[in-house]
Protein backbone atom coordinates (compact mmCIF):
# COMPACT_ATOMS: atom_id res chain seq x y z
CA MET A 1 0.00 0.00 0.00
CA ALA A 2 1.33 3.42 -0.97
CA THR A 3 2.54 5.65 1.83
CA LYS A 4 3.35 9.34 1.58
CA ARG A 5 7.06 10.15 1.70
CA ASP A 6 8.40 12.41 4.45
CA GLY A 7 9.71 14.66 1.70
CA VAL A 8 9.87 14.80 -2.08
CA PHE A 9 12.33 12.35 -3.66
CA VAL A 10 13.15 12.45 -7.38
CA TRP A 11 15.19 9.83 -9.21
CA ILE A 12 17.08 11.31 -12.16
CA THR A 13 15.76 8.78 -14.68
CA TRP A 14 12.17 9.82 -13.89
CA LEU A 15 13.01 13.45 -14.49
CA ALA A 16 14.87 12.74 -17.75
CA LYS A 17 11.90 10.95 -19.33
CA VAL A 18 9.50 13.77 -18.44
CA MET A 19 11.90 16.44 -19.72
CA ALA A 20 12.33 14.53 -23.01
CA GLY A 21 8.59 14.23 -23.56
CA GLU A 22 8.86 10.44 -23.60
CA GLN A 23 6.48 10.21 -20.66
CA ASN A 24 3.41 12.33 -21.30
CA CYS A 25 1.81 11.19 -18.06
CA GLU A 26 3.62 13.51 -15.66
CA TRP A 27 1.48 12.13 -12.85
CA ALA A 28 3.39 8.82 -12.75
CA SER A 29 6.67 10.52 -11.84
CA TRP A 30 4.86 12.93 -9.51
CA PHE A 31 3.26 9.98 -7.68
CA LYS A 32 6.60 8.19 -7.23
CA ALA A 33 8.25 11.40 -6.02
CA HIS A 34 5.60 11.82 -3.31
CA HIS A 35 4.86 8.18 -2.39
CA GLU A 36 6.73 4.96 -1.63
CA ASN A 37 5.87 1.30 -0.99
CA TYR A 38 3.18 1.43 -3.66
CA ASP A 39 1.80 -1.77 -5.20
CA LYS A 40 3.65 -2.56 -8.41
CA ALA A 41 2.00 -3.88 -11.54
CA PRO A 42 3.37 -7.12 -13.01
CA SER A 43 5.75 -6.63 -15.92
CA ASP A 44 6.94 -8.84 -18.77
CA PHE A 45 10.21 -6.89 -19.01
CA ASP A 46 13.13 -9.31 -18.83
CA THR A 47 15.21 -7.72 -16.06
CA VAL A 48 17.60 -10.68 -15.92
CA LYS A 49 18.50 -10.34 -19.60
CA TRP A 50 18.84 -6.55 -19.25
CA ASN A 51 21.09 -6.79 -16.19
CA ILE A 52 23.38 -9.35 -17.82
CA GLU A 53 23.76 -7.30 -21.01
CA HIS A 54 24.21 -4.01 -19.12
CA THR A 55 26.85 -5.52 -16.83
CA ARG A 56 28.77 -6.93 -19.79
CA GLN A 57 28.73 -3.63 -21.69
CA LEU A 58 29.77 -1.72 -18.58
CA ARG A 59 32.68 -4.09 -17.96
CA ARG A 60 33.77 -3.72 -21.57
CA LEU A 61 33.69 0.06 -21.23
CA ARG A 62 35.61 -0.05 -17.94
CA LEU A 63 38.41 -2.11 -19.48
CA GLU A 64 38.52 0.12 -22.55
CA ARG A 65 38.93 3.31 -20.50
CA ARG A 66 41.55 1.74 -18.23
CA LYS A 67 43.60 0.69 -21.27
CA LEU A 68 43.62 4.36 -22.25
CA GLY A 69 45.27 5.13 -18.92
CA GLU A 70 42.22 6.70 -17.30
CA ARG A 71 41.12 6.28 -13.70
CA VAL A 72 37.72 4.63 -13.53
CA PHE A 73 35.00 4.93 -10.89
CA LEU A 74 31.98 2.61 -10.99
CA GLN A 75 28.31 2.96 -10.07
CA GLY A 76 28.32 2.83 -6.26
CA GLU A 77 31.31 5.17 -6.10
CA ASN A 78 29.37 7.71 -8.17
CA ALA A 79 26.02 7.63 -6.36
CA ILE A 80 24.61 11.10 -5.78
CA ARG A 81 21.94 12.26 -3.37
CA LEU A 82 21.54 16.02 -3.32
CA THR A 83 19.15 17.95 -1.09
CA LEU A 84 18.14 21.16 -2.83
CA PRO A 85 17.36 24.42 -0.97
CA SER A 86 13.65 23.61 -1.45
CA GLY A 87 14.11 20.38 0.51
CA VAL A 88 13.61 18.20 -2.56
CA VAL A 89 16.04 15.28 -2.74
CA ILE A 90 17.33 14.35 -6.19
CA ALA A 91 19.32 11.15 -6.64
CA GLY A 92 20.99 9.02 -9.28
CA LYS A 93 23.88 6.70 -10.01
CA PRO A 94 26.06 7.32 -13.09
CA ASP A 95 27.48 4.10 -14.51
CA LEU A 96 31.05 5.29 -14.90
CA ILE A 97 33.15 8.39 -14.24
CA THR A 98 36.63 8.61 -15.72
CA LEU A 99 39.55 10.92 -14.98
CA PRO A 100 42.85 11.46 -16.79
CA ASP A 101 45.56 9.38 -15.14
CA GLY A 102 47.46 10.92 -12.24
CA GLN A 103 44.68 13.09 -10.80
CA PRO A 104 44.29 12.48 -7.06
CA THR A 105 40.83 13.01 -5.63
CA ALA A 106 42.00 13.79 -2.09
CA PRO A 107 45.13 15.14 -0.36
CA SER A 108 47.29 13.02 1.94
CA ASP A 109 45.20 13.89 5.01
CA GLY A 110 42.22 12.14 3.42
CA GLN A 111 39.94 15.17 3.38
CA PRO A 112 37.80 15.70 0.26
CA THR A 113 39.07 18.29 -2.17
CA THR A 114 38.52 19.39 -5.74
CA LEU A 115 40.29 17.54 -8.53
CA TRP A 116 43.54 18.69 -10.02
CA ILE A 117 43.39 20.28 -13.47
CA GLY A 118 41.59 17.95 -15.82
CA GLN A 119 38.10 17.02 -16.80
CA PRO A 120 35.89 14.19 -15.55
CA THR A 121 33.78 12.38 -18.12
CA ILE A 122 30.49 10.82 -17.05
CA HIS A 123 29.54 7.71 -19.04
CA ASP A 124 26.19 5.92 -19.01
CA VAL A 125 25.62 2.58 -20.74
CA LYS A 126 22.40 1.85 -22.62
CA THR A 127 21.39 -1.54 -24.01
CA GLY A 128 18.48 -0.41 -26.20
CA ARG A 129 17.96 2.05 -29.02
CA GLU A 130 18.94 5.70 -28.74
CA ARG A 131 16.52 7.95 -26.85
CA CYS A 132 16.56 11.67 -26.15
CA SER A 133 16.14 10.91 -22.44
CA ASP A 134 19.49 9.07 -22.47
CA ARG A 135 21.31 12.30 -23.28
CA ILE A 136 19.22 14.33 -20.85
CA GLN A 137 19.97 11.81 -18.08
CA VAL A 138 23.71 12.23 -18.61
CA MET A 139 23.36 16.02 -18.80
CA LEU A 140 21.58 15.94 -15.43
CA TYR A 141 24.51 13.97 -14.01
CA MET A 142 26.93 16.51 -15.53
CA HIS A 143 25.10 19.33 -13.76
CA LEU A 144 24.54 17.61 -10.41
CA VAL A 145 27.70 15.56 -9.77
CA PRO A 146 29.90 18.63 -9.04
CA GLN A 147 27.28 19.80 -6.54
CA ALA A 148 26.69 16.44 -4.87
CA LEU A 149 30.20 14.93 -4.72
CA PRO A 150 32.86 17.13 -3.07
CA ALA A 151 35.69 15.51 -5.05
CA TYR A 152 34.24 16.96 -8.27
CA ALA A 153 33.37 20.42 -6.95
CA GLY A 154 34.37 23.16 -9.35
CA THR A 155 34.72 20.85 -12.36
CA ARG A 156 32.71 20.90 -15.60
CA PRO A 157 32.28 17.26 -16.62
CA ALA A 158 31.86 16.07 -20.17
CA GLY A 159 29.37 13.30 -20.88
CA CYS A 160 29.06 10.20 -23.04
CA VAL A 161 26.13 7.88 -23.71
CA VAL A 162 27.45 4.45 -24.70
CA TYR A 163 25.33 2.12 -26.83
CA ASN A 164 26.21 -1.30 -28.22
CA GLY A 165 28.44 -0.26 -31.10
CA SER A 166 28.11 3.52 -30.92
CA LYS A 167 28.36 6.45 -28.54
CA VAL A 168 27.16 10.04 -28.20
CA ASP A 169 29.60 12.56 -26.73
CA ILE A 170 28.19 15.53 -24.82
CA PRO A 171 30.39 18.62 -24.31
CA PRO A 172 30.27 20.53 -21.00
CA GLU A 173 28.78 23.52 -22.85
CA ALA A 174 25.58 21.53 -23.47
CA VAL A 175 24.63 22.11 -19.83
CA GLY A 176 23.93 25.81 -20.17
CA ALA A 177 21.44 28.29 -18.77
CA LYS A 178 18.55 27.06 -20.93
CA PHE A 179 19.05 23.45 -19.85
CA ILE A 180 19.23 24.42 -16.18
CA GLU A 181 16.08 26.52 -16.57
CA ALA A 182 14.27 23.52 -18.10
CA LEU A 183 15.53 21.29 -15.28
CA GLU A 184 14.18 23.67 -12.66
CA TYR A 185 10.83 23.96 -14.46
CA TRP A 186 10.21 20.21 -14.75
CA LEU A 187 11.54 19.51 -11.29
CA GLY A 188 8.97 22.01 -10.05
CA VAL A 189 6.23 20.09 -11.87
CA ILE A 190 7.19 16.77 -10.29
CA ALA A 191 7.87 18.22 -6.83
CA ALA A 192 4.72 20.36 -6.66
CA PHE A 193 2.11 19.77 -3.96
CA GLU A 194 -0.65 19.58 -6.59
CA PRO A 195 -0.69 16.36 -8.65
CA ALA A 196 0.81 16.65 -12.13
CA LEU A 197 -1.13 15.89 -15.30
CA LYS A 198 -2.46 12.35 -15.63
CA VAL A 199 -2.52 11.27 -19.29
CA PRO A 200 -3.71 7.66 -19.62
CA SER A 201 -2.66 5.91 -22.82
CA CYS A 202 -2.38 2.31 -23.91
CA HIS A 203 1.33 2.65 -24.65
CA GLU A 204 2.39 4.30 -21.38
CA CYS A 205 0.01 2.48 -19.05
CA CYS A 206 1.22 -0.89 -20.37
CA PHE A 207 4.74 -0.09 -19.18
CA CYS A 208 3.86 1.77 -15.97
CA ASP A 209 4.82 -0.08 -12.79
CA ILE A 210 2.19 1.63 -10.63
CA ALA A 211 -0.64 -0.83 -9.99
CA ARG A 212 -4.04 0.44 -11.01
């Protein structure tokens, strides 16, 4: 049974799909942001197959970047959970962050610090076809990682969406004022007290995990 959250919690992938217009039913993301422990609808999505393929592609990418001499940081090391001034919590977990070799992330006393000169690159692996939300998801990471993880404070990360056989590079300049304005607008929609628009459709409802 769904229970109301103590505060608003937004997962980055929810926000990316709404911003991209791939999820017309804004209500679904609004509901998840405001509620937890809701009954989930059965799904025929093969999570086992997806996890195996994603893990293999991520390992391949990790080895590739290490061969290039880069330092590699995997999912759990990159997890972000940022509390905004409004009290809204936004969270996510980039697949991979790479740094040019030789850049320490902390001084000898072990206290967090900013990176030495150089640029982090945030990679996210996708097993399906290209979607606009894939790029937006990485751009959200590019904007939020320097705010959420002290080791990256003051940096301007680049981004890269990695597909099976291709990739899309995203320059730091892509995360400009217009993108940040759009982020704030759609975050406001999902975080608002009033429910967002509910747009039932055969296509979206079939894939929605919220039980009717």
